Amino acid sequence: LCRIEGCHLHRSRKGSRRRADAGPSRSLHAQSYDSWRADRAATYGISDDELEAHYRARTTLKVNILPEDVAEAVFFFASGLSAKTTGGVLTVDGGVPAAYVR
């Protein structure tokens, strides 16, 4: 079981076949994107329009993380590329110092 940005990815082998199941956590279904965005902006005391810049500024790489970025990490764990990887953690956050693995 791999935790990737709120998604759980389960990999198993049945003979030579590989199966991967991924889905968002319940919290993502609990509220709409617009209300989540407004809530996050209010938490930081900024407008909705400033949210991307705020998140980008707090990363070491000064980048925004897009769904495609997370999808690439999911693909890595679901594919044969990670066949010899166990217990791996792949953080896709642009380098948030407070979230570094310790």
Protein backbone atom coordinates (compact mmCIF):
# COMPACT_ATOMS: atom_id res chain seq x y z
CA LEU A 1 0.00 0.00 0.00
CA CYS A 2 1.49 3.35 -1.06
CA ARG A 3 0.22 6.74 0.07
CA ILE A 4 0.48 9.31 -2.70
CA GLU A 5 -0.99 12.78 -2.14
CA GLY A 6 -4.28 11.62 -0.67
CA CYS A 7 -4.54 8.55 -2.90
CA HIS A 8 -3.93 5.00 -1.86
CA LEU A 9 -2.32 2.73 -4.40
CA HIS A 10 -2.40 -1.00 -3.82
CA ARG A 11 -0.15 -3.22 -5.88
CA SER A 12 -0.33 -6.96 -5.95
CA ARG A 13 0.79 -9.77 -8.18
CA LYS A 14 -1.35 -12.65 -9.35
CA GLY A 15 0.96 -14.94 -11.24
CA SER A 16 2.63 -12.69 -13.80
CA ARG A 17 -0.19 -10.14 -13.78
CA ARG A 18 -0.02 -6.89 -11.88
CA ARG A 19 -2.99 -5.06 -10.45
CA ALA A 20 -3.07 -1.51 -9.16
CA ASP A 21 -5.99 0.23 -7.52
CA ALA A 22 -5.87 3.94 -6.81
CA GLY A 23 -8.52 6.30 -5.58
CA PRO A 24 -8.87 9.58 -3.75
CA SER A 25 -9.32 9.63 0.00
CA ARG A 26 -12.75 10.45 1.39
CA SER A 27 -11.74 13.97 2.35
CA LEU A 28 -11.47 14.89 -1.33
CA HIS A 29 -15.12 13.95 -1.83
CA ALA A 30 -16.31 15.78 1.26
CA GLN A 31 -16.24 19.25 -0.25
CA SER A 32 -16.11 20.83 -3.66
CA TYR A 33 -12.90 22.22 -5.13
CA ASP A 34 -14.25 25.79 -4.95
CA SER A 35 -15.06 25.55 -1.25
CA TRP A 36 -11.71 23.86 -0.56
CA ARG A 37 -9.91 26.63 -2.45
CA ALA A 38 -11.77 29.38 -0.59
CA ASP A 39 -11.10 27.66 2.75
CA ARG A 40 -7.35 27.31 2.03
CA ALA A 41 -7.06 30.94 0.90
CA ALA A 42 -8.88 32.16 4.01
CA THR A 43 -6.58 30.05 6.20
CA TYR A 44 -3.57 31.87 4.76
CA GLY A 45 -5.29 35.29 4.76
CA ILE A 46 -5.06 35.68 0.98
CA SER A 47 -7.51 35.87 -1.91
CA ASP A 48 -8.44 32.82 -3.98
CA ASP A 49 -6.47 34.27 -6.90
CA GLU A 50 -3.25 34.31 -4.84
CA LEU A 51 -3.40 30.66 -3.80
CA GLU A 52 -1.23 29.18 -6.59
CA ALA A 53 1.47 31.81 -6.06
CA HIS A 54 1.37 31.17 -2.30
CA TYR A 55 1.86 27.43 -2.73
CA ARG A 56 4.56 27.94 -5.37
CA ALA A 57 6.49 30.38 -3.14
CA ARG A 58 6.65 27.94 -0.23
CA THR A 59 8.30 25.16 -2.25
CA THR A 60 12.05 24.72 -2.56
CA LEU A 61 11.77 24.36 -6.34
CA LYS A 62 9.32 27.32 -6.67
CA VAL A 63 6.90 25.25 -8.78
CA ASN A 64 3.20 24.43 -8.72
CA ILE A 65 2.29 20.77 -8.44
CA LEU A 66 -0.26 19.67 -11.01
CA PRO A 67 -2.41 16.52 -11.16
CA GLU A 68 -0.15 15.27 -13.96
CA ASP A 69 2.82 15.39 -11.59
CA VAL A 70 1.05 13.18 -9.07
CA ALA A 71 -0.15 10.88 -11.88
CA GLU A 72 3.46 10.27 -12.91
CA ALA A 73 4.29 9.15 -9.37
CA VAL A 74 1.25 6.85 -9.33
CA PHE A 75 2.32 5.44 -12.70
CA PHE A 76 5.82 4.74 -11.37
CA PHE A 77 4.49 2.69 -8.44
CA ALA A 78 1.86 0.95 -10.59
CA SER A 79 4.28 0.02 -13.38
CA GLY A 80 7.13 -2.41 -13.71
CA LEU A 81 9.52 0.48 -13.12
CA SER A 82 9.07 -0.05 -9.39
CA ALA A 83 9.05 -3.87 -9.47
CA LYS A 84 11.98 -4.05 -7.04
CA THR A 85 10.82 -1.21 -4.80
CA THR A 86 9.29 -1.97 -1.41
CA GLY A 87 8.03 0.45 1.20
CA GLY A 88 8.83 3.41 -1.02
CA VAL A 89 7.78 6.98 -0.37
CA LEU A 90 7.77 9.32 -3.35
CA THR A 91 6.92 12.85 -2.31
CA VAL A 92 5.51 15.05 -5.06
CA ASP A 93 5.33 18.49 -3.49
CA GLY A 94 8.08 20.61 -5.05
CA GLY A 95 10.07 20.47 -1.84
CA VAL A 96 8.08 21.66 1.17
CA PRO A 97 10.70 21.71 3.97
CA ALA A 98 8.13 21.08 6.71
CA ALA A 99 7.10 17.87 4.94
CA TYR A 100 10.58 16.40 4.34
CA VAL A 101 10.83 12.73 5.28
CA ARG A 102 12.82 12.40 8.48
